[in-house]
Protein backbone atom coordinates (compact mmCIF):
# COMPACT_ATOMS: atom_id res chain seq x y z
CA UNK A 1 0.00 0.00 0.00
CA UNK A 2 2.80 2.41 0.87
CA UNK A 3 4.65 1.54 -2.36
CA UNK A 4 1.54 2.26 -4.44
CA UNK A 5 1.05 5.59 -2.66
CA UNK A 6 4.68 6.51 -3.28
CA UNK A 7 4.40 5.45 -6.93
CA UNK A 8 1.23 7.52 -7.37
CA UNK A 9 2.84 10.56 -5.74
CA UNK A 10 5.98 10.18 -7.88
CA UNK A 11 3.90 9.76 -11.06
CA UNK A 12 1.79 12.83 -10.40
CA UNK A 13 4.86 14.86 -9.43
CA UNK A 14 6.60 13.87 -12.66
CA UNK A 15 3.47 14.79 -14.62
CA UNK A 16 3.05 18.23 -13.04
CA UNK A 17 2.89 21.22 -15.33
CA UNK A 18 6.34 22.34 -14.13
CA UNK A 19 8.27 19.22 -15.20
CA UNK A 20 9.96 19.98 -18.56
CA UNK A 21 7.26 22.54 -19.36
CA UNK A 22 9.57 24.63 -21.56
CA UNK A 23 10.43 21.72 -23.86
CA UNK A 24 6.98 20.73 -25.12
CA UNK A 25 4.35 22.88 -26.83
CA UNK A 26 1.15 23.63 -24.94
CA UNK A 27 -1.95 22.17 -26.61
CA UNK A 28 -5.43 23.64 -26.28
CA UNK A 29 -8.61 21.57 -26.61
CA UNK A 30 -8.94 22.86 -30.19
CA UNK A 31 -5.33 21.83 -30.97
CA UNK A 32 -5.97 18.29 -29.74
CA UNK A 33 -9.22 17.99 -31.68
CA UNK A 34 -7.61 19.26 -34.90
CA UNK A 35 -4.67 16.85 -34.47
CA UNK A 36 -6.94 13.88 -33.72
CA UNK A 37 -9.33 14.59 -36.61
CA UNK A 38 -6.49 14.09 -39.10
CA UNK A 39 -6.16 10.46 -38.02
CA UNK A 40 -9.68 9.83 -39.28
CA UNK A 41 -8.74 10.87 -42.83
CA UNK A 42 -5.97 9.89 -45.22
CA UNK A 43 -3.99 13.02 -44.22
CA UNK A 44 -2.29 11.63 -41.10
CA UNK A 45 -0.14 14.06 -39.13
CA UNK A 46 3.54 13.43 -38.50
CA UNK A 47 4.28 11.99 -35.08
CA UNK A 48 7.53 12.38 -33.13
CA UNK A 49 9.71 9.30 -32.61
CA UNK A 50 9.07 9.36 -28.85
CA UNK A 51 5.31 9.83 -29.41
CA UNK A 52 5.05 12.97 -27.25
CA UNK A 53 3.11 15.69 -29.08
CA UNK A 54 2.91 18.30 -26.30
CA UNK A 55 1.19 19.19 -23.04
CA UNK A 56 -2.51 19.56 -22.47
CA UNK A 57 -3.44 21.33 -19.23
CA UNK A 58 0.21 20.82 -18.28
CA UNK A 59 0.31 17.03 -18.76
CA UNK A 60 2.17 15.10 -21.47
CA UNK A 61 0.07 13.86 -24.37
CA UNK A 62 1.37 10.99 -26.46
CA UNK A 63 0.40 9.16 -29.62
CA UNK A 64 0.79 5.41 -29.24
CA UNK A 65 1.18 3.52 -32.51
CA UNK A 66 0.72 -0.21 -33.11
CA UNK A 67 1.25 -1.94 -36.44
CA UNK A 68 0.41 -5.38 -37.75
CA UNK A 69 1.13 -6.81 -41.16
CA UNK A 70 4.14 -6.27 -43.38
CA UNK A 71 2.50 -3.54 -45.44
CA UNK A 72 1.35 -1.49 -42.44
CA UNK A 73 -2.29 -1.76 -43.46
CA UNK A 74 -3.33 -2.50 -39.89
CA UNK A 75 -2.17 0.54 -37.97
CA UNK A 76 -3.81 1.87 -34.85
CA UNK A 77 -3.12 5.16 -33.12
CA UNK A 78 -4.22 6.11 -29.60
CA UNK A 79 -3.83 9.66 -28.29
CA UNK A 80 -3.43 9.55 -24.53
CA UNK A 81 -1.92 11.19 -21.47
CA UNK A 82 1.37 9.78 -20.16
CA UNK A 83 -0.53 8.77 -17.00
CA UNK A 84 -1.86 5.41 -15.83
CA UNK A 85 -5.62 4.80 -16.07
CA UNK A 86 -7.64 4.87 -12.87
CA UNK A 87 -7.26 7.30 -10.00
CA UNK A 88 -4.19 8.97 -11.54
CA UNK A 89 -6.14 9.63 -14.73
CA UNK A 90 -9.06 11.18 -12.89
CA UNK A 91 -6.64 13.40 -10.96
CA UNK A 92 -5.28 14.93 -14.21
CA UNK A 93 -8.77 15.41 -15.67
CA UNK A 94 -8.60 12.53 -18.13
CA UNK A 95 -10.98 9.65 -18.80
CA UNK A 96 -10.20 5.91 -18.88
CA UNK A 97 -10.85 4.45 -22.32
CA UNK A 98 -10.30 1.08 -23.97
CA UNK A 99 -8.74 0.84 -27.42
CA UNK A 100 -7.51 -1.97 -29.63
CA UNK A 101 -3.78 -2.46 -30.04
CA UNK A 102 -1.99 -4.97 -32.23
CA UNK A 103 0.63 -7.52 -31.32
CA UNK A 104 2.43 -9.69 -33.83
CA UNK A 105 -0.45 -12.07 -34.30
CA UNK A 106 -3.16 -10.87 -31.92
CA UNK A 107 -5.46 -7.94 -31.37
CA UNK A 108 -5.61 -6.79 -27.75
CA UNK A 109 -7.70 -4.29 -25.85
CA UNK A 110 -5.70 -1.97 -23.61
CA UNK A 111 -6.87 0.79 -21.27
CA UNK A 112 -5.52 4.33 -21.61
CA UNK A 113 -5.94 7.68 -19.90
CA UNK A 114 -7.21 9.95 -22.66
CA UNK A 115 -7.94 13.69 -22.69
CA UNK A 116 -11.62 14.14 -21.89
CA UNK A 117 -12.16 16.43 -24.90
CA UNK A 118 -11.09 13.56 -27.21
CA UNK A 119 -13.05 10.97 -25.25
CA UNK A 120 -16.25 13.04 -25.46
CA UNK A 121 -15.93 13.20 -29.27
CA UNK A 122 -14.60 9.61 -29.72
CA UNK A 123 -11.43 10.98 -31.33
CA UNK A 124 -8.80 9.38 -29.08
CA UNK A 125 -8.27 6.22 -31.18
CA UNK A 126 -8.07 5.42 -34.83
CA UNK A 127 -8.00 2.01 -36.41
CA UNK A 128 -8.30 0.88 -40.06
CA UNK A 129 -12.09 0.55 -40.05
CA UNK A 130 -12.40 4.26 -39.07
CA UNK A 131 -10.70 5.71 -42.17
CA UNK A 132 -12.81 7.80 -44.55
C-alpha atoms as a PDB file:
ATOM      1  CA  UNK A   1       0.000   0.000   0.000  1.00  0.00           C
ATOM      2  CA  UNK A   2       2.805   2.405   0.874  1.00  0.00           C
ATOM      3  CA  UNK A   3       4.654   1.537  -2.362  1.00  0.00           C
ATOM      4  CA  UNK A   4       1.541   2.263  -4.436  1.00  0.00           C
ATOM      5  CA  UNK A   5       1.049   5.594  -2.659  1.00  0.00           C
ATOM      6  CA  UNK A   6       4.677   6.510  -3.284  1.00  0.00           C
ATOM      7  CA  UNK A   7       4.400   5.452  -6.930  1.00  0.00           C
ATOM      8  CA  UNK A   8       1.233   7.520  -7.372  1.00  0.00           C
ATOM      9  CA  UNK A   9       2.845  10.556  -5.742  1.00  0.00           C
ATOM     10  CA  UNK A  10       5.975  10.183  -7.884  1.00  0.00           C
ATOM     11  CA  UNK A  11       3.902   9.761 -11.064  1.00  0.00           C
ATOM     12  CA  UNK A  12       1.793  12.825 -10.398  1.00  0.00           C
ATOM     13  CA  UNK A  13       4.855  14.856  -9.433  1.00  0.00           C
ATOM     14  CA  UNK A  14       6.603  13.872 -12.664  1.00  0.00           C
ATOM     15  CA  UNK A  15       3.468  14.792 -14.618  1.00  0.00           C
ATOM     16  CA  UNK A  16       3.052  18.228 -13.039  1.00  0.00           C
ATOM     17  CA  UNK A  17       2.888  21.225 -15.325  1.00  0.00           C
ATOM     18  CA  UNK A  18       6.342  22.335 -14.134  1.00  0.00           C
ATOM     19  CA  UNK A  19       8.270  19.218 -15.201  1.00  0.00           C
ATOM     20  CA  UNK A  20       9.959  19.982 -18.563  1.00  0.00           C
ATOM     21  CA  UNK A  21       7.257  22.538 -19.360  1.00  0.00           C
ATOM     22  CA  UNK A  22       9.573  24.631 -21.562  1.00  0.00           C
ATOM     23  CA  UNK A  23      10.435  21.716 -23.858  1.00  0.00           C
ATOM     24  CA  UNK A  24       6.982  20.729 -25.123  1.00  0.00           C
ATOM     25  CA  UNK A  25       4.347  22.882 -26.828  1.00  0.00           C
ATOM     26  CA  UNK A  26       1.147  23.634 -24.944  1.00  0.00           C
ATOM     27  CA  UNK A  27      -1.955  22.171 -26.613  1.00  0.00           C
ATOM     28  CA  UNK A  28      -5.435  23.639 -26.284  1.00  0.00           C
ATOM     29  CA  UNK A  29      -8.611  21.566 -26.609  1.00  0.00           C
ATOM     30  CA  UNK A  30      -8.944  22.859 -30.188  1.00  0.00           C
ATOM     31  CA  UNK A  31      -5.333  21.832 -30.974  1.00  0.00           C
ATOM     32  CA  UNK A  32      -5.971  18.294 -29.739  1.00  0.00           C
ATOM     33  CA  UNK A  33      -9.219  17.990 -31.676  1.00  0.00           C
ATOM     34  CA  UNK A  34      -7.608  19.259 -34.904  1.00  0.00           C
ATOM     35  CA  UNK A  35      -4.670  16.854 -34.473  1.00  0.00           C
ATOM     36  CA  UNK A  36      -6.943  13.878 -33.720  1.00  0.00           C
ATOM     37  CA  UNK A  37      -9.334  14.590 -36.613  1.00  0.00           C
ATOM     38  CA  UNK A  38      -6.491  14.095 -39.104  1.00  0.00           C
ATOM     39  CA  UNK A  39      -6.164  10.455 -38.016  1.00  0.00           C
ATOM     40  CA  UNK A  40      -9.681   9.829 -39.279  1.00  0.00           C
ATOM     41  CA  UNK A  41      -8.735  10.870 -42.835  1.00  0.00           C
ATOM     42  CA  UNK A  42      -5.966   9.887 -45.219  1.00  0.00           C
ATOM     43  CA  UNK A  43      -3.989  13.020 -44.217  1.00  0.00           C
ATOM     44  CA  UNK A  44      -2.291  11.629 -41.101  1.00  0.00           C
ATOM     45  CA  UNK A  45      -0.144  14.058 -39.125  1.00  0.00           C
ATOM     46  CA  UNK A  46       3.543  13.427 -38.495  1.00  0.00           C
ATOM     47  CA  UNK A  47       4.276  11.994 -35.076  1.00  0.00           C
ATOM     48  CA  UNK A  48       7.531  12.381 -33.135  1.00  0.00           C
ATOM     49  CA  UNK A  49       9.707   9.302 -32.612  1.00  0.00           C
ATOM     50  CA  UNK A  50       9.073   9.359 -28.854  1.00  0.00           C
ATOM     51  CA  UNK A  51       5.314   9.827 -29.414  1.00  0.00           C
ATOM     52  CA  UNK A  52       5.048  12.967 -27.245  1.00  0.00           C
ATOM     53  CA  UNK A  53       3.114  15.688 -29.078  1.00  0.00           C
ATOM     54  CA  UNK A  54       2.910  18.300 -26.301  1.00  0.00           C
ATOM     55  CA  UNK A  55       1.192  19.186 -23.037  1.00  0.00           C
ATOM     56  CA  UNK A  56      -2.511  19.559 -22.466  1.00  0.00           C
ATOM     57  CA  UNK A  57      -3.437  21.326 -19.231  1.00  0.00           C
ATOM     58  CA  UNK A  58       0.209  20.818 -18.277  1.00  0.00           C
ATOM     59  CA  UNK A  59       0.313  17.031 -18.756  1.00  0.00           C
ATOM     60  CA  UNK A  60       2.175  15.104 -21.465  1.00  0.00           C
ATOM     61  CA  UNK A  61       0.070  13.861 -24.367  1.00  0.00           C
ATOM     62  CA  UNK A  62       1.375  10.987 -26.461  1.00  0.00           C
ATOM     63  CA  UNK A  63       0.403   9.158 -29.615  1.00  0.00           C
ATOM     64  CA  UNK A  64       0.786   5.408 -29.239  1.00  0.00           C
ATOM     65  CA  UNK A  65       1.182   3.518 -32.511  1.00  0.00           C
ATOM     66  CA  UNK A  66       0.720  -0.212 -33.110  1.00  0.00           C
ATOM     67  CA  UNK A  67       1.248  -1.940 -36.443  1.00  0.00           C
ATOM     68  CA  UNK A  68       0.409  -5.376 -37.745  1.00  0.00           C
ATOM     69  CA  UNK A  69       1.128  -6.811 -41.160  1.00  0.00           C
ATOM     70  CA  UNK A  70       4.137  -6.271 -43.383  1.00  0.00           C
ATOM     71  CA  UNK A  71       2.504  -3.536 -45.443  1.00  0.00           C
ATOM     72  CA  UNK A  72       1.350  -1.486 -42.438  1.00  0.00           C
ATOM     73  CA  UNK A  73      -2.292  -1.763 -43.461  1.00  0.00           C
ATOM     74  CA  UNK A  74      -3.334  -2.504 -39.889  1.00  0.00           C
ATOM     75  CA  UNK A  75      -2.165   0.541 -37.971  1.00  0.00           C
ATOM     76  CA  UNK A  76      -3.815   1.870 -34.853  1.00  0.00           C
ATOM     77  CA  UNK A  77      -3.122   5.162 -33.117  1.00  0.00           C
ATOM     78  CA  UNK A  78      -4.216   6.110 -29.597  1.00  0.00           C
ATOM     79  CA  UNK A  79      -3.834   9.662 -28.286  1.00  0.00           C
ATOM     80  CA  UNK A  80      -3.429   9.547 -24.528  1.00  0.00           C
ATOM     81  CA  UNK A  81      -1.917  11.188 -21.474  1.00  0.00           C
ATOM     82  CA  UNK A  82       1.366   9.781 -20.164  1.00  0.00           C
ATOM     83  CA  UNK A  83      -0.535   8.775 -17.003  1.00  0.00           C
ATOM     84  CA  UNK A  84      -1.864   5.408 -15.828  1.00  0.00           C
ATOM     85  CA  UNK A  85      -5.622   4.796 -16.074  1.00  0.00           C
ATOM     86  CA  UNK A  86      -7.637   4.867 -12.870  1.00  0.00           C
ATOM     87  CA  UNK A  87      -7.263   7.296  -9.998  1.00  0.00           C
ATOM     88  CA  UNK A  88      -4.186   8.967 -11.535  1.00  0.00           C
ATOM     89  CA  UNK A  89      -6.142   9.626 -14.729  1.00  0.00           C
ATOM     90  CA  UNK A  90      -9.060  11.184 -12.890  1.00  0.00           C
ATOM     91  CA  UNK A  91      -6.636  13.398 -10.961  1.00  0.00           C
ATOM     92  CA  UNK A  92      -5.280  14.926 -14.209  1.00  0.00           C
ATOM     93  CA  UNK A  93      -8.771  15.410 -15.675  1.00  0.00           C
ATOM     94  CA  UNK A  94      -8.597  12.525 -18.128  1.00  0.00           C
ATOM     95  CA  UNK A  95     -10.978   9.649 -18.800  1.00  0.00           C
ATOM     96  CA  UNK A  96     -10.203   5.912 -18.880  1.00  0.00           C
ATOM     97  CA  UNK A  97     -10.850   4.445 -22.322  1.00  0.00           C
ATOM     98  CA  UNK A  98     -10.302   1.081 -23.971  1.00  0.00           C
ATOM     99  CA  UNK A  99      -8.736   0.843 -27.422  1.00  0.00           C
ATOM    100  CA  UNK A 100      -7.509  -1.967 -29.633  1.00  0.00           C
ATOM    101  CA  UNK A 101      -3.778  -2.464 -30.043  1.00  0.00           C
ATOM    102  CA  UNK A 102      -1.986  -4.971 -32.230  1.00  0.00           C
ATOM    103  CA  UNK A 103       0.632  -7.523 -31.324  1.00  0.00           C
ATOM    104  CA  UNK A 104       2.432  -9.688 -33.833  1.00  0.00           C
ATOM    105  CA  UNK A 105      -0.450 -12.071 -34.304  1.00  0.00           C
ATOM    106  CA  UNK A 106      -3.156 -10.871 -31.918  1.00  0.00           C
ATOM    107  CA  UNK A 107      -5.465  -7.936 -31.374  1.00  0.00           C
ATOM    108  CA  UNK A 108      -5.615  -6.792 -27.750  1.00  0.00           C
ATOM    109  CA  UNK A 109      -7.697  -4.287 -25.848  1.00  0.00           C
ATOM    110  CA  UNK A 110      -5.699  -1.965 -23.607  1.00  0.00           C
ATOM    111  CA  UNK A 111      -6.875   0.786 -21.270  1.00  0.00           C
ATOM    112  CA  UNK A 112      -5.518   4.329 -21.613  1.00  0.00           C
ATOM    113  CA  UNK A 113      -5.945   7.680 -19.899  1.00  0.00           C
ATOM    114  CA  UNK A 114      -7.208   9.947 -22.663  1.00  0.00           C
ATOM    115  CA  UNK A 115      -7.939  13.687 -22.693  1.00  0.00           C
ATOM    116  CA  UNK A 116     -11.623  14.140 -21.890  1.00  0.00           C
ATOM    117  CA  UNK A 117     -12.161  16.429 -24.901  1.00  0.00           C
ATOM    118  CA  UNK A 118     -11.086  13.565 -27.207  1.00  0.00           C
ATOM    119  CA  UNK A 119     -13.053  10.968 -25.253  1.00  0.00           C
ATOM    120  CA  UNK A 120     -16.249  13.043 -25.463  1.00  0.00           C
ATOM    121  CA  UNK A 121     -15.927  13.196 -29.273  1.00  0.00           C
ATOM    122  CA  UNK A 122     -14.602   9.615 -29.720  1.00  0.00           C
ATOM    123  CA  UNK A 123     -11.430  10.979 -31.334  1.00  0.00           C
ATOM    124  CA  UNK A 124      -8.803   9.379 -29.083  1.00  0.00           C
ATOM    125  CA  UNK A 125      -8.273   6.221 -31.178  1.00  0.00           C
ATOM    126  CA  UNK A 126      -8.072   5.424 -34.832  1.00  0.00           C
ATOM    127  CA  UNK A 127      -8.004   2.011 -36.406  1.00  0.00           C
ATOM    128  CA  UNK A 128      -8.299   0.880 -40.062  1.00  0.00           C
ATOM    129  CA  UNK A 129     -12.087   0.555 -40.055  1.00  0.00           C
ATOM    130  CA  UNK A 130     -12.398   4.263 -39.072  1.00  0.00           C
ATOM    131  CA  UNK A 131     -10.702   5.714 -42.165  1.00  0.00           C
ATOM    132  CA  UNK A 132     -12.810   7.803 -44.552  1.00  0.00           C
END
